[in-house]
Amino acid sequence: MADWDDLRVFLAVARAESLSGAGRVLKLDPATVGRRIGKLEEAMALRLFARSPQGYTLTAEGQRLLAHAIRAEQAVAEAMDEAGGAGGGLTGQIRIGAPDGSANYLLPQIVAAICDDHPGLDVQIVAQPRVFNLSKREADMAIAVSRPASGRLTVQKLTDYRLHLAASRDYLDRHPPIATLADLKDHRTIGYIPDLIFDKELDYQTEAGMEAVTLASNSVSVQFNWVRNGAGIAVVHDFAMSAAPDLVKVLPDQVSLTRSFYLIRHPDDRRVDRLNRFAELLAQGVRREVARLEALA
C-alpha cells in the first residue's frame, strides 16, 4: 500500500486535475509529480488517472483510492492537532472557498483579524463563482448562499444579509428619476449572465423586477465596479456599499432582498480541533462584519 507521501502527491493531482496544478501545491516541478504518479500506479498495479489534453481524471480505481487517501489525510491532521495541543495558537494552512461577493467584501478583513491573533496561520481564500467540491478537498471549508442539496457535508447557517438596488449619484444625476419599478425600463441595468448563475439564490434580477440586464458578468466584483463607475443600476449587497460611498439605494422601500450565508464543511473535519476553532472564529467574524457594514449602508 502507498505511504503518506505517495498519497499526498496523489491527492494533489486528484484535486488539481493536472500535474502543473499539483506541482504548484506541492512545490515540485510537474515532471517530478508525473514520475511519482507513474511509480505509484506501477507499485499498485492500478491505473489511477485517465490522461487527456484536458488533464488528469480519476479512474474508478482512483476514486476508490481517493476515499482512503482522504481518511489518511484526516488521520495526519488529527495527529498534528494532538501533537500541537489544543488551546494554543492556530497554525498551518486553511483554504476557504467562497462566492466572490463575500470573498471580496467580507472575508479579507475577517481573515486578517484572525491571522493577527494567530500569526502561525496561512489562510487561502479561493473566490470562485461556483459551488466547491469539499469531497475532493478543493477547500477545507466553504461559504455558500444555499444549503447543499446532497452530499455528506455539515452545514451551519452563519447569518442573513440584505441586498438593494443601487446606483452612483453621478448616474442618477444624469438619468431620468426612478419612482417605480416600471421606471427601470428607461435605465441601463447590471447583473449576472443568466445561464452562468450557479445557484438559484443568486438570481437577484428576477426578484428585483429586472427582466433583462444590459451589462452582465458572472462576477459580483465586475458588477459592483460597473455600478460605482456610473454605468447603471444593479442589485448590490448592503455589506459592500461602504466600499463605494458614492452609491445610493434605489427604491429601497420597494425592492429589498434577503439571503443567507452558510458554512459548509466535510463531516470528518469535526474531529480536527484546529479547523473547529478556525470555523468558529470565522463564523463570529462573518456575523459581526455583516451587522457592522449593513448598519453603515
Protein backbone atom coordinates (compact mmCIF):
# COMPACT_ATOMS: atom_id res chain seq x y z
CA MET A 1 0.00 0.00 0.00
CA ALA A 2 1.16 3.54 -0.67
CA ASP A 3 2.73 5.56 2.13
CA TRP A 4 1.50 9.01 3.18
CA ASP A 5 3.95 10.88 0.93
CA ASP A 6 2.66 8.93 -2.08
CA LEU A 7 -0.93 9.66 -1.09
CA ARG A 8 -0.14 13.35 -0.65
CA VAL A 9 1.03 13.53 -4.27
CA PHE A 10 -1.96 11.50 -5.43
CA LEU A 11 -4.38 13.84 -3.60
CA ALA A 12 -2.78 16.93 -5.10
CA VAL A 13 -3.19 15.60 -8.65
CA ALA A 14 -6.75 14.40 -7.96
CA ARG A 15 -7.72 17.85 -6.74
CA ALA A 16 -5.88 19.93 -9.31
CA GLU A 17 -6.63 17.53 -12.18
CA SER A 18 -3.25 18.44 -13.66
CA LEU A 19 0.44 17.88 -12.97
CA SER A 20 1.21 21.60 -13.10
CA GLY A 21 -1.55 22.47 -10.62
CA ALA A 22 -0.42 19.72 -8.26
CA GLY A 23 3.18 20.83 -8.65
CA ARG A 24 2.32 24.35 -7.51
CA VAL A 25 0.69 22.98 -4.37
CA LEU A 26 3.50 20.52 -3.64
CA LYS A 27 6.30 22.89 -4.73
CA LEU A 28 7.55 20.26 -7.17
CA ASP A 29 8.06 20.51 -10.91
CA PRO A 30 5.33 18.81 -12.99
CA ALA A 31 7.71 16.21 -14.40
CA THR A 32 8.55 15.04 -10.87
CA VAL A 33 4.87 14.85 -9.98
CA GLY A 34 4.23 12.81 -13.14
CA ARG A 35 7.04 10.36 -12.27
CA ARG A 36 5.70 9.98 -8.74
CA ILE A 37 2.22 9.17 -10.04
CA GLY A 38 3.64 6.73 -12.57
CA LYS A 39 5.62 4.89 -9.86
CA LEU A 40 2.57 4.79 -7.58
CA GLU A 41 0.43 3.27 -10.34
CA GLU A 42 3.19 0.75 -11.09
CA ALA A 43 3.56 -0.21 -7.42
CA MET A 44 -0.18 -0.66 -7.00
CA ALA A 45 -0.66 -2.27 -10.44
CA LEU A 46 -3.59 0.10 -10.98
CA ARG A 47 -4.39 2.88 -13.42
CA LEU A 48 -5.41 5.74 -11.13
CA PHE A 49 -5.81 8.52 -13.70
CA ALA A 50 -7.06 8.82 -17.25
CA ARG A 51 -4.76 11.20 -19.12
CA SER A 52 -6.04 13.60 -21.76
CA PRO A 53 -5.15 17.05 -23.16
CA GLN A 54 -7.69 18.43 -20.66
CA GLY A 55 -5.80 16.96 -17.69
CA TYR A 56 -5.86 14.06 -15.26
CA THR A 57 -9.23 12.49 -14.35
CA LEU A 58 -9.65 9.82 -11.71
CA THR A 59 -10.48 6.31 -12.93
CA ALA A 60 -12.79 4.03 -10.94
CA GLU A 61 -9.71 2.64 -9.15
CA GLY A 62 -8.54 6.19 -8.49
CA GLN A 63 -11.91 7.11 -6.99
CA ARG A 64 -11.65 4.19 -4.59
CA LEU A 65 -8.13 5.20 -3.57
CA LEU A 66 -9.31 8.80 -3.09
CA ALA A 67 -11.58 7.78 -0.22
CA HIS A 68 -8.68 6.01 1.53
CA ALA A 69 -6.31 8.92 0.86
CA ILE A 70 -8.72 11.44 2.37
CA ARG A 71 -9.05 9.28 5.50
CA ALA A 72 -5.26 9.12 5.74
CA GLU A 73 -5.06 12.91 5.35
CA GLN A 74 -7.64 13.26 8.12
CA ALA A 75 -5.62 10.99 10.41
CA VAL A 76 -2.47 13.04 9.78
CA ALA A 77 -4.35 16.26 10.56
CA GLU A 78 -5.72 14.80 13.80
CA ALA A 79 -2.25 13.60 14.82
CA MET A 80 -0.80 17.06 14.19
CA ASP A 81 -3.59 18.59 16.27
CA GLU A 82 -2.84 16.26 19.18
CA ALA A 83 0.90 16.87 18.91
CA GLY A 84 0.35 20.63 18.88
CA GLY A 85 -2.04 20.51 21.79
CA ALA A 86 -5.48 22.12 21.93
CA GLY A 87 -6.00 25.69 23.06
CA GLY A 88 -2.79 27.21 21.70
CA GLY A 89 -2.36 29.47 18.70
CA LEU A 90 -3.73 28.18 15.42
CA THR A 91 -1.15 27.17 12.83
CA GLY A 92 -0.95 25.62 9.39
CA GLN A 93 -2.74 26.23 6.12
CA ILE A 94 -6.51 26.58 5.77
CA ARG A 95 -8.27 27.13 2.46
CA ILE A 96 -11.72 28.75 2.26
CA GLY A 97 -13.88 28.63 -0.85
CA ALA A 98 -16.38 31.45 -1.24
CA PRO A 99 -18.51 33.27 -3.80
CA ASP A 100 -16.73 36.44 -4.85
CA GLY A 101 -19.13 38.84 -3.09
CA SER A 102 -18.19 37.55 0.35
CA ALA A 103 -14.62 36.82 -0.76
CA ASN A 104 -14.08 40.46 -1.77
CA TYR A 105 -16.07 42.49 0.72
CA LEU A 106 -16.19 40.38 3.92
CA LEU A 107 -13.51 37.73 4.20
CA PRO A 108 -10.33 39.82 3.71
CA GLN A 109 -10.79 41.90 6.87
CA ILE A 110 -12.22 38.97 8.87
CA VAL A 111 -9.37 36.62 7.98
CA ALA A 112 -6.75 39.33 8.51
CA ALA A 113 -8.06 39.88 12.05
CA ILE A 114 -7.94 36.15 12.80
CA CYS A 115 -4.37 35.93 11.48
CA ASP A 116 -3.36 38.92 13.62
CA ASP A 117 -4.29 36.81 16.65
CA HIS A 118 -2.82 33.60 15.17
CA PRO A 119 0.32 34.54 13.21
CA GLY A 120 1.11 30.88 12.53
CA LEU A 121 -1.88 30.58 10.24
CA ASP A 122 -1.61 30.51 6.45
CA VAL A 123 -5.09 31.21 5.04
CA GLN A 124 -6.08 30.99 1.37
CA ILE A 125 -9.33 32.48 0.04
CA VAL A 126 -10.46 30.95 -3.24
CA ALA A 127 -13.00 33.33 -4.82
CA GLN A 128 -14.94 31.43 -7.47
CA PRO A 129 -18.45 31.90 -8.88
CA ARG A 130 -19.34 28.24 -8.39
CA VAL A 131 -20.02 25.54 -5.80
CA PHE A 132 -16.93 23.98 -4.21
CA ASN A 133 -16.34 20.23 -4.08
CA LEU A 134 -15.34 19.56 -0.48
CA SER A 135 -15.31 15.80 -1.07
CA LYS A 136 -12.29 16.35 -3.33
CA ARG A 137 -10.91 18.78 -0.76
CA GLU A 138 -10.84 21.76 -3.13
CA ALA A 139 -11.11 23.70 0.13
CA ASP A 140 -11.13 22.92 3.84
CA MET A 141 -14.45 24.73 4.20
CA ALA A 142 -16.69 26.81 2.01
CA ILE A 143 -19.17 29.63 2.32
CA ALA A 144 -22.32 29.17 0.25
CA VAL A 145 -25.57 31.05 -0.32
CA SER A 146 -27.77 27.95 -0.07
CA ARG A 147 -27.74 24.61 1.71
CA PRO A 148 -26.27 21.75 -0.34
CA ALA A 149 -28.98 19.57 -1.83
CA SER A 150 -26.91 16.41 -1.43
CA GLY A 151 -23.60 15.10 -0.18
CA ARG A 152 -22.13 14.04 3.12
CA LEU A 153 -21.49 17.51 4.50
CA THR A 154 -22.15 19.52 7.64
CA VAL A 155 -23.94 22.85 7.27
CA GLN A 156 -24.00 25.80 9.67
CA LYS A 157 -26.06 28.90 8.96
CA LEU A 158 -23.89 31.96 9.53
CA THR A 159 -26.17 34.95 9.03
CA ASP A 160 -28.75 36.59 6.81
CA TYR A 161 -27.68 39.51 4.62
CA ARG A 162 -29.58 42.10 2.63
CA LEU A 163 -29.38 43.50 -0.89
CA HIS A 164 -30.92 46.53 -2.58
CA LEU A 165 -30.94 48.21 -5.96
CA ALA A 166 -28.20 50.84 -6.08
CA ALA A 167 -26.55 53.31 -8.44
CA SER A 168 -23.94 56.03 -8.18
CA ARG A 169 -25.04 59.61 -7.51
CA ASP A 170 -23.44 60.62 -10.78
CA TYR A 171 -25.50 58.09 -12.73
CA LEU A 172 -28.75 59.15 -11.04
CA ASP A 173 -27.99 62.82 -11.69
CA ARG A 174 -27.54 62.13 -15.41
CA HIS A 175 -30.64 59.97 -15.96
CA PRO A 176 -34.42 60.17 -15.52
CA PRO A 177 -35.79 59.87 -11.98
CA ILE A 178 -36.90 56.46 -10.68
CA ALA A 179 -40.16 56.43 -8.74
CA THR A 180 -41.42 52.91 -9.51
CA LEU A 181 -40.10 49.59 -10.80
CA ALA A 182 -41.61 50.41 -14.17
CA ASP A 183 -39.14 53.28 -14.49
CA LEU A 184 -36.23 50.81 -14.65
CA LYS A 185 -37.04 50.18 -18.31
CA ASP A 186 -35.55 53.61 -19.08
CA HIS A 187 -32.24 52.73 -17.38
CA ARG A 188 -29.22 50.55 -18.01
CA THR A 189 -29.27 47.60 -15.63
CA ILE A 190 -26.40 45.41 -14.45
CA GLY A 191 -26.45 41.82 -13.22
CA TYR A 192 -25.48 38.19 -13.69
CA ILE A 193 -25.19 36.39 -17.01
CA PRO A 194 -28.39 34.30 -16.77
CA ASP A 195 -27.00 30.96 -17.96
CA LEU A 196 -23.98 31.27 -15.63
CA ILE A 197 -25.97 31.68 -12.41
CA PHE A 198 -24.70 28.65 -10.47
CA ASP A 199 -27.15 28.93 -7.55
CA LYS A 200 -30.82 29.91 -7.75
CA GLU A 201 -30.33 32.16 -4.70
CA LEU A 202 -28.19 34.41 -6.90
CA ASP A 203 -31.00 35.12 -9.34
CA TYR A 204 -31.48 38.61 -7.94
CA GLN A 205 -32.65 40.15 -11.20
CA THR A 206 -35.93 38.24 -11.37
CA GLU A 207 -36.87 39.04 -7.80
CA ALA A 208 -35.90 42.70 -8.22
CA GLY A 209 -38.10 43.08 -11.30
CA MET A 210 -35.19 43.39 -13.75
CA GLU A 211 -36.37 41.29 -16.67
CA ALA A 212 -33.12 41.66 -18.59
CA VAL A 213 -29.75 43.31 -17.97
CA THR A 214 -27.70 45.39 -20.37
CA LEU A 215 -24.34 44.78 -18.72
CA ALA A 216 -23.76 41.29 -17.35
CA SER A 217 -20.95 39.38 -15.63
CA ASN A 218 -20.64 36.18 -13.61
CA SER A 219 -18.55 38.21 -11.12
CA VAL A 220 -20.11 40.34 -8.39
CA SER A 221 -16.95 42.45 -8.33
CA VAL A 222 -17.26 43.32 -12.01
CA GLN A 223 -20.91 44.24 -11.50
CA PHE A 224 -20.00 46.36 -8.47
CA ASN A 225 -17.29 48.22 -10.36
CA TRP A 226 -19.70 48.99 -13.17
CA VAL A 227 -22.16 50.44 -10.65
CA ARG A 228 -19.68 52.61 -8.81
CA ASN A 229 -18.29 53.91 -12.10
CA GLY A 230 -21.74 55.17 -13.08
CA ALA A 231 -22.56 52.53 -15.68
CA GLY A 232 -26.06 51.69 -14.43
CA ILE A 233 -28.22 50.16 -11.71
CA ALA A 234 -27.67 46.77 -10.05
CA VAL A 235 -28.67 44.69 -7.06
CA VAL A 236 -25.87 45.35 -4.54
CA HIS A 237 -25.01 43.71 -1.23
CA ASP A 238 -25.59 46.14 1.63
CA PHE A 239 -22.31 44.99 3.18
CA ALA A 240 -20.45 46.16 0.05
CA MET A 241 -21.97 49.67 -0.03
CA SER A 242 -19.35 51.22 2.24
CA ALA A 243 -16.67 50.26 -0.31
CA ALA A 244 -18.20 52.88 -2.63
CA PRO A 245 -19.55 55.83 -0.59
CA ASP A 246 -20.99 57.43 -3.74
CA LEU A 247 -23.59 54.66 -4.12
CA VAL A 248 -27.24 55.37 -3.36
CA LYS A 249 -30.01 52.84 -2.76
CA VAL A 250 -32.75 52.93 -5.38
CA LEU A 251 -36.39 52.16 -4.44
CA PRO A 252 -35.35 50.69 -1.06
CA ASP A 253 -38.98 50.52 0.11
CA GLN A 254 -39.99 48.54 -2.97
CA VAL A 255 -37.01 46.27 -3.53
CA SER A 256 -35.30 44.61 -0.57
CA LEU A 257 -33.84 41.11 -0.85
CA THR A 258 -32.66 38.83 1.96
CA ARG A 259 -30.29 35.92 1.51
CA SER A 260 -28.20 33.76 3.86
CA PHE A 261 -24.61 32.59 4.16
CA TYR A 262 -23.86 29.00 5.19
CA LEU A 263 -20.58 27.45 6.27
CA ILE A 264 -20.12 24.06 4.61
CA ARG A 265 -17.61 21.53 5.96
CA HIS A 266 -16.69 17.90 5.50
CA PRO A 267 -18.11 15.97 8.49
CA ASP A 268 -14.81 14.20 9.24
CA ASP A 269 -13.22 17.59 9.93
CA ARG A 270 -15.29 17.87 13.11
CA ARG A 271 -12.59 15.77 14.77
CA VAL A 272 -9.88 18.32 13.93
CA ASP A 273 -9.71 20.89 16.72
CA ARG A 274 -7.74 23.39 14.64
CA LEU A 275 -10.45 23.52 11.94
CA ASN A 276 -13.24 23.65 14.53
CA ARG A 277 -11.65 26.63 16.24
CA PHE A 278 -10.99 28.43 12.98
CA ALA A 279 -14.56 27.77 11.78
CA GLU A 280 -15.96 29.29 14.97
CA LEU A 281 -13.77 32.39 14.66
CA LEU A 282 -14.80 32.72 11.01
CA ALA A 283 -18.50 32.37 11.86
CA GLN A 284 -18.27 35.00 14.60
CA GLY A 285 -16.38 37.32 12.28
CA VAL A 286 -18.89 37.00 9.44
CA ARG A 287 -21.82 37.75 11.75
CA ARG A 288 -20.13 40.79 13.27
CA GLU A 289 -18.88 42.21 9.97
CA VAL A 290 -22.19 41.82 8.14
CA ALA A 291 -24.01 43.57 11.02
CA ARG A 292 -21.40 46.36 11.15
CA LEU A 293 -21.35 47.05 7.41
CA GLU A 294 -25.11 46.84 6.96
CA ALA A 295 -25.53 49.43 9.70
CA LEU A 296 -23.43 51.80 7.56
CA ALA A 297 -25.40 51.19 4.34
